[in-house]
Amino acid sequence: MKEILFKAKRVKDEAWVEGDLNHCVVVGRTYICRIEKSLCTTTHEVDPKTVCQYTGIHDKNGKRIWENDRCWVERPCVFACGTVKYLEGCFCFVEDDTNTELRLCDVRRNGYTIKVKGNVYDML
């Protein structure tokens, strides 16, 4: 079963925090709650525009791949740069030049390797 996890940039210092997502409708703020042993141990107010969901997949170096990550995808004679997006119920790599979509679950199956280079919110 895929781990459901989110990350976002903290409001106070723009550091990335990971955990469970909580949006407080009454106050209009968004929080990431750090979960340890099924208990919320730390809560951070985050910028809702930077919320990214964990895809459940790791890159070739074992690094978690998140929604909005900038990645390189490689296969012999193929090299592409793009962004991870959630499209029609599936996480996909969307190539910059062609807008070609490759479902992340098909990356290894089709002989591709993927490497995370950063996140779009770090490159602004």
N, C-alpha and C. Protein backbone atom coordinates (compact mmCIF):
# COMPACT_ATOMS: atom_id res chain seq x y z
N MET A 1 0.84 -1.17 0.00
CA MET A 1 0.00 0.00 0.00
C MET A 1 0.89 1.24 0.00
N LYS A 2 0.53 2.22 -0.82
CA LYS A 2 1.30 3.46 -0.95
C LYS A 2 1.16 4.33 0.29
N GLU A 3 2.29 4.86 0.73
CA GLU A 3 2.31 5.79 1.85
C GLU A 3 1.73 7.12 1.38
N ILE A 4 0.73 7.65 2.08
CA ILE A 4 0.15 8.94 1.73
C ILE A 4 0.85 10.00 2.56
N LEU A 5 1.60 10.85 1.88
CA LEU A 5 2.46 11.81 2.54
C LEU A 5 2.50 13.08 1.70
N PHE A 6 2.61 14.21 2.37
CA PHE A 6 2.67 15.49 1.70
C PHE A 6 3.89 16.27 2.20
N LYS A 7 4.32 17.23 1.38
CA LYS A 7 5.34 18.18 1.82
C LYS A 7 4.92 19.55 1.32
N ALA A 8 5.40 20.58 2.01
CA ALA A 8 5.13 21.97 1.62
C ALA A 8 6.16 22.85 2.30
N LYS A 9 6.24 24.09 1.84
CA LYS A 9 7.17 25.05 2.43
C LYS A 9 6.51 25.75 3.62
N ARG A 10 7.24 25.74 4.72
CA ARG A 10 6.77 26.39 5.95
C ARG A 10 6.65 27.88 5.74
N VAL A 11 5.61 28.50 6.29
CA VAL A 11 5.37 29.94 6.13
C VAL A 11 6.48 30.76 6.78
N LYS A 12 6.93 30.36 7.95
CA LYS A 12 7.88 31.20 8.70
C LYS A 12 9.28 31.28 8.09
N ASP A 13 9.74 30.22 7.41
CA ASP A 13 11.11 30.26 6.91
C ASP A 13 11.31 29.56 5.56
N GLU A 14 10.23 29.13 4.92
CA GLU A 14 10.25 28.47 3.61
C GLU A 14 11.03 27.16 3.59
N ALA A 15 11.24 26.55 4.75
CA ALA A 15 11.87 25.22 4.79
C ALA A 15 10.81 24.17 4.45
N TRP A 16 11.23 23.09 3.76
CA TRP A 16 10.31 22.01 3.43
C TRP A 16 9.99 21.21 4.69
N VAL A 17 8.72 20.86 4.89
CA VAL A 17 8.29 19.96 5.96
C VAL A 17 7.42 18.88 5.35
N GLU A 18 7.47 17.68 5.92
CA GLU A 18 6.71 16.54 5.42
C GLU A 18 5.77 16.03 6.50
N GLY A 19 4.65 15.47 6.07
CA GLY A 19 3.72 14.87 7.02
C GLY A 19 2.32 14.78 6.45
N ASP A 20 1.34 14.84 7.34
CA ASP A 20 -0.06 14.75 6.98
C ASP A 20 -0.59 16.16 6.69
N LEU A 21 -1.45 16.29 5.70
CA LEU A 21 -1.98 17.59 5.29
C LEU A 21 -3.27 17.89 6.04
N ASN A 22 -3.40 19.13 6.52
CA ASN A 22 -4.61 19.54 7.23
C ASN A 22 -4.92 20.98 6.83
N HIS A 23 -6.12 21.20 6.28
CA HIS A 23 -6.53 22.55 5.91
C HIS A 23 -7.63 22.98 6.88
N CYS A 24 -7.38 24.06 7.59
CA CYS A 24 -8.35 24.58 8.56
C CYS A 24 -9.25 25.58 7.85
N VAL A 25 -10.47 25.16 7.55
CA VAL A 25 -11.41 25.99 6.78
C VAL A 25 -11.80 27.25 7.55
N VAL A 26 -12.02 27.15 8.85
CA VAL A 26 -12.46 28.29 9.65
C VAL A 26 -11.42 29.39 9.65
N VAL A 27 -10.17 29.03 9.83
CA VAL A 27 -9.09 30.01 9.90
C VAL A 27 -8.53 30.32 8.51
N GLY A 28 -8.70 29.40 7.55
CA GLY A 28 -8.19 29.59 6.20
C GLY A 28 -6.70 29.36 6.08
N ARG A 29 -6.16 28.48 6.89
CA ARG A 29 -4.74 28.18 6.86
C ARG A 29 -4.51 26.70 6.57
N THR A 30 -3.33 26.39 6.08
CA THR A 30 -2.97 25.02 5.75
C THR A 30 -1.79 24.61 6.62
N TYR A 31 -1.85 23.36 7.11
CA TYR A 31 -0.82 22.85 8.02
C TYR A 31 -0.32 21.49 7.56
N ILE A 32 0.94 21.23 7.85
CA ILE A 32 1.51 19.89 7.73
C ILE A 32 1.77 19.43 9.16
N CYS A 33 1.25 18.25 9.46
CA CYS A 33 1.40 17.68 10.80
C CYS A 33 2.37 16.51 10.72
N ARG A 34 3.44 16.57 11.48
CA ARG A 34 4.42 15.47 11.52
C ARG A 34 3.83 14.35 12.37
N ILE A 35 3.74 13.15 11.78
CA ILE A 35 3.14 12.00 12.45
C ILE A 35 4.24 11.03 12.90
N GLU A 36 4.19 10.66 14.17
CA GLU A 36 5.09 9.64 14.70
C GLU A 36 4.27 8.72 15.59
N LYS A 37 4.32 7.42 15.27
CA LYS A 37 3.56 6.40 16.01
C LYS A 37 2.08 6.77 16.09
N SER A 38 1.52 7.18 14.95
CA SER A 38 0.10 7.52 14.80
C SER A 38 -0.33 8.76 15.58
N LEU A 39 0.61 9.56 16.06
CA LEU A 39 0.28 10.79 16.78
C LEU A 39 0.92 11.99 16.09
N CYS A 40 0.17 13.09 16.08
CA CYS A 40 0.71 14.34 15.53
C CYS A 40 1.67 14.93 16.55
N THR A 41 2.95 15.02 16.20
CA THR A 41 3.95 15.51 17.15
C THR A 41 4.30 16.98 16.95
N THR A 42 4.24 17.45 15.71
CA THR A 42 4.60 18.83 15.40
C THR A 42 3.70 19.32 14.27
N THR A 43 3.22 20.55 14.38
CA THR A 43 2.39 21.13 13.33
C THR A 43 3.05 22.40 12.81
N HIS A 44 3.10 22.51 11.47
CA HIS A 44 3.72 23.67 10.83
C HIS A 44 2.71 24.31 9.87
N GLU A 45 2.55 25.62 9.95
CA GLU A 45 1.74 26.32 8.96
C GLU A 45 2.56 26.38 7.67
N VAL A 46 1.92 26.02 6.54
CA VAL A 46 2.62 25.98 5.25
C VAL A 46 1.89 26.82 4.21
N ASP A 47 2.62 27.17 3.17
CA ASP A 47 2.06 27.89 2.02
C ASP A 47 1.27 26.87 1.18
N PRO A 48 -0.05 27.01 1.06
CA PRO A 48 -0.85 26.02 0.35
C PRO A 48 -0.48 25.88 -1.13
N LYS A 49 0.12 26.91 -1.73
CA LYS A 49 0.51 26.82 -3.13
C LYS A 49 1.67 25.86 -3.34
N THR A 50 2.42 25.53 -2.28
CA THR A 50 3.60 24.67 -2.41
C THR A 50 3.34 23.22 -2.01
N VAL A 51 2.10 22.86 -1.70
CA VAL A 51 1.80 21.49 -1.27
C VAL A 51 2.05 20.51 -2.41
N CYS A 52 2.80 19.45 -2.11
CA CYS A 52 3.14 18.40 -3.07
C CYS A 52 2.86 17.04 -2.42
N GLN A 53 2.29 16.12 -3.18
CA GLN A 53 2.03 14.79 -2.66
C GLN A 53 3.14 13.83 -3.09
N TYR A 54 3.49 12.93 -2.19
CA TYR A 54 4.48 11.88 -2.48
C TYR A 54 3.87 10.89 -3.45
N THR A 55 4.62 10.52 -4.49
CA THR A 55 4.10 9.64 -5.54
C THR A 55 4.14 8.16 -5.17
N GLY A 56 4.91 7.83 -4.13
CA GLY A 56 5.09 6.43 -3.77
C GLY A 56 6.24 5.77 -4.52
N ILE A 57 6.97 6.55 -5.31
CA ILE A 57 8.05 6.02 -6.16
C ILE A 57 9.35 6.76 -5.81
N HIS A 58 10.46 6.02 -5.90
CA HIS A 58 11.79 6.59 -5.66
C HIS A 58 12.55 6.69 -6.98
N ASP A 59 13.47 7.65 -7.05
CA ASP A 59 14.29 7.77 -8.25
C ASP A 59 15.43 6.75 -8.22
N LYS A 60 16.32 6.81 -9.20
CA LYS A 60 17.39 5.81 -9.32
C LYS A 60 18.37 5.87 -8.15
N ASN A 61 18.38 6.97 -7.40
CA ASN A 61 19.26 7.11 -6.24
C ASN A 61 18.54 6.87 -4.91
N GLY A 62 17.29 6.42 -4.97
CA GLY A 62 16.53 6.14 -3.76
C GLY A 62 15.83 7.35 -3.16
N LYS A 63 15.84 8.47 -3.85
CA LYS A 63 15.20 9.70 -3.37
C LYS A 63 13.71 9.67 -3.70
N ARG A 64 12.88 10.09 -2.75
CA ARG A 64 11.43 10.14 -2.99
C ARG A 64 11.11 11.09 -4.14
N ILE A 65 10.14 10.70 -4.96
CA ILE A 65 9.66 11.56 -6.04
C ILE A 65 8.33 12.16 -5.60
N TRP A 66 8.25 13.49 -5.68
CA TRP A 66 7.07 14.24 -5.26
C TRP A 66 6.42 14.91 -6.46
N GLU A 67 5.14 15.18 -6.34
CA GLU A 67 4.44 16.01 -7.32
C GLU A 67 5.21 17.33 -7.43
N ASN A 68 5.31 17.88 -8.62
CA ASN A 68 6.01 19.14 -8.91
C ASN A 68 7.53 19.03 -8.86
N ASP A 69 8.07 17.82 -8.77
CA ASP A 69 9.52 17.65 -8.85
C ASP A 69 9.97 17.81 -10.30
N ARG A 70 11.14 18.41 -10.48
CA ARG A 70 11.79 18.51 -11.79
C ARG A 70 12.70 17.30 -11.90
N CYS A 71 12.60 16.56 -12.99
CA CYS A 71 13.33 15.31 -13.14
C CYS A 71 13.95 15.16 -14.52
N TRP A 72 14.97 14.28 -14.57
CA TRP A 72 15.54 13.81 -15.82
C TRP A 72 15.06 12.39 -16.01
N VAL A 73 14.64 12.04 -17.21
CA VAL A 73 14.28 10.66 -17.53
C VAL A 73 15.23 10.20 -18.64
N GLU A 74 15.81 9.01 -18.44
CA GLU A 74 16.80 8.50 -19.39
C GLU A 74 16.50 7.06 -19.79
N ARG A 75 16.89 6.77 -20.99
CA ARG A 75 16.89 5.43 -21.55
C ARG A 75 17.90 5.49 -22.68
N PRO A 76 18.51 4.39 -23.08
CA PRO A 76 19.48 4.50 -24.18
C PRO A 76 18.91 5.30 -25.35
N CYS A 77 19.62 6.33 -25.74
CA CYS A 77 19.25 7.22 -26.86
C CYS A 77 18.07 8.14 -26.55
N VAL A 78 17.61 8.17 -25.31
CA VAL A 78 16.50 9.06 -24.93
C VAL A 78 16.90 9.80 -23.67
N PHE A 79 16.71 11.12 -23.68
CA PHE A 79 17.02 11.95 -22.53
C PHE A 79 16.02 13.09 -22.50
N ALA A 80 15.29 13.24 -21.40
CA ALA A 80 14.26 14.29 -21.34
C ALA A 80 14.22 14.93 -19.96
N CYS A 81 13.87 16.19 -19.93
CA CYS A 81 13.68 16.94 -18.70
C CYS A 81 12.20 17.30 -18.60
N GLY A 82 11.66 17.24 -17.39
CA GLY A 82 10.26 17.57 -17.23
C GLY A 82 9.85 17.67 -15.77
N THR A 83 8.55 17.69 -15.55
CA THR A 83 7.98 17.89 -14.23
C THR A 83 6.98 16.79 -13.92
N VAL A 84 6.92 16.38 -12.66
CA VAL A 84 5.96 15.37 -12.22
C VAL A 84 4.63 16.09 -11.92
N LYS A 85 3.56 15.61 -12.52
CA LYS A 85 2.22 16.18 -12.35
C LYS A 85 1.22 15.07 -12.03
N TYR A 86 0.14 15.44 -11.37
CA TYR A 86 -0.96 14.52 -11.11
C TYR A 86 -2.03 14.79 -12.17
N LEU A 87 -2.22 13.82 -13.07
CA LEU A 87 -3.13 14.00 -14.20
C LEU A 87 -4.08 12.82 -14.29
N GLU A 88 -5.36 13.08 -14.29
CA GLU A 88 -6.38 12.06 -14.48
C GLU A 88 -6.17 10.84 -13.58
N GLY A 89 -5.91 11.10 -12.30
CA GLY A 89 -5.80 10.02 -11.33
C GLY A 89 -4.48 9.29 -11.31
N CYS A 90 -3.43 9.86 -11.93
CA CYS A 90 -2.14 9.17 -12.01
C CYS A 90 -1.01 10.19 -11.98
N PHE A 91 0.09 9.85 -11.31
CA PHE A 91 1.27 10.71 -11.36
C PHE A 91 2.01 10.44 -12.65
N CYS A 92 2.35 11.51 -13.37
CA CYS A 92 3.01 11.40 -14.67
C CYS A 92 4.22 12.32 -14.73
N PHE A 93 5.20 11.91 -15.52
CA PHE A 93 6.31 12.77 -15.91
C PHE A 93 5.87 13.45 -17.19
N VAL A 94 5.90 14.79 -17.22
CA VAL A 94 5.50 15.55 -18.40
C VAL A 94 6.75 16.23 -18.96
N GLU A 95 7.13 15.82 -20.16
CA GLU A 95 8.35 16.34 -20.79
C GLU A 95 8.16 17.81 -21.16
N ASP A 96 9.21 18.61 -20.90
CA ASP A 96 9.15 20.06 -21.18
C ASP A 96 8.92 20.37 -22.65
N ASP A 97 9.70 19.80 -23.53
CA ASP A 97 9.69 20.20 -24.94
C ASP A 97 8.44 19.74 -25.69
N THR A 98 7.93 18.56 -25.38
CA THR A 98 6.85 17.98 -26.18
C THR A 98 5.53 17.83 -25.44
N ASN A 99 5.54 18.05 -24.12
CA ASN A 99 4.37 17.79 -23.27
C ASN A 99 3.95 16.32 -23.29
N THR A 100 4.86 15.43 -23.71
CA THR A 100 4.59 14.01 -23.69
C THR A 100 4.46 13.56 -22.24
N GLU A 101 3.47 12.72 -21.96
CA GLU A 101 3.22 12.22 -20.62
C GLU A 101 3.67 10.77 -20.51
N LEU A 102 4.38 10.45 -19.44
CA LEU A 102 4.80 9.09 -19.14
C LEU A 102 4.38 8.81 -17.71
N ARG A 103 3.49 7.83 -17.53
CA ARG A 103 3.05 7.50 -16.17
C ARG A 103 4.24 7.02 -15.36
N LEU A 104 4.37 7.51 -14.13
CA LEU A 104 5.51 7.11 -13.30
C LEU A 104 5.53 5.61 -13.06
N CYS A 105 4.36 4.99 -12.97
CA CYS A 105 4.33 3.54 -12.75
C CYS A 105 4.88 2.77 -13.95
N ASP A 106 4.99 3.41 -15.11
CA ASP A 106 5.53 2.76 -16.31
C ASP A 106 7.01 3.04 -16.54
N VAL A 107 7.61 3.91 -15.74
CA VAL A 107 9.00 4.31 -15.97
C VAL A 107 9.92 3.10 -15.96
N ARG A 108 9.94 2.35 -14.86
CA ARG A 108 10.85 1.19 -14.78
C ARG A 108 10.42 0.08 -15.72
N ARG A 109 9.12 -0.12 -15.83
CA ARG A 109 8.59 -1.18 -16.69
C ARG A 109 9.05 -1.01 -18.13
N ASN A 110 9.20 0.24 -18.57
CA ASN A 110 9.61 0.53 -19.95
C ASN A 110 11.12 0.75 -20.09
N GLY A 111 11.89 0.45 -19.04
CA GLY A 111 13.34 0.54 -19.14
C GLY A 111 13.92 1.92 -18.95
N TYR A 112 13.14 2.87 -18.46
CA TYR A 112 13.63 4.22 -18.20
C TYR A 112 14.19 4.31 -16.78
N THR A 113 15.08 5.27 -16.56
CA THR A 113 15.49 5.64 -15.21
C THR A 113 15.09 7.09 -15.01
N ILE A 114 14.81 7.45 -13.77
CA ILE A 114 14.39 8.82 -13.47
C ILE A 114 15.23 9.33 -12.32
N LYS A 115 15.60 10.62 -12.39
CA LYS A 115 16.41 11.24 -11.36
C LYS A 115 15.82 12.61 -11.02
N VAL A 116 15.59 12.84 -9.73
CA VAL A 116 15.06 14.13 -9.26
C VAL A 116 16.17 15.16 -9.27
N LYS A 117 15.87 16.33 -9.86
CA LYS A 117 16.82 17.44 -9.91
C LYS A 117 16.44 18.58 -8.97
N GLY A 118 15.19 18.60 -8.51
CA GLY A 118 14.72 19.67 -7.63
C GLY A 118 13.22 19.75 -7.69
N ASN A 119 12.67 20.83 -7.19
CA ASN A 119 11.23 21.03 -7.19
C ASN A 119 10.93 22.40 -7.81
N VAL A 120 9.81 22.53 -8.50
CA VAL A 120 9.51 23.80 -9.16
C VAL A 120 9.47 24.97 -8.18
N TYR A 121 9.11 24.72 -6.92
CA TYR A 121 9.02 25.80 -5.95
C TYR A 121 10.39 26.23 -5.41
N ASP A 122 11.41 25.42 -5.64
CA ASP A 122 12.77 25.80 -5.28
C ASP A 122 13.44 26.59 -6.40
N MET A 123 12.86 26.52 -7.59
CA MET A 123 13.48 27.12 -8.77
C MET A 123 12.83 28.44 -9.15
N LEU A 124 11.95 28.95 -8.34
CA LEU A 124 11.27 30.22 -8.66
C LEU A 124 12.14 31.41 -8.31
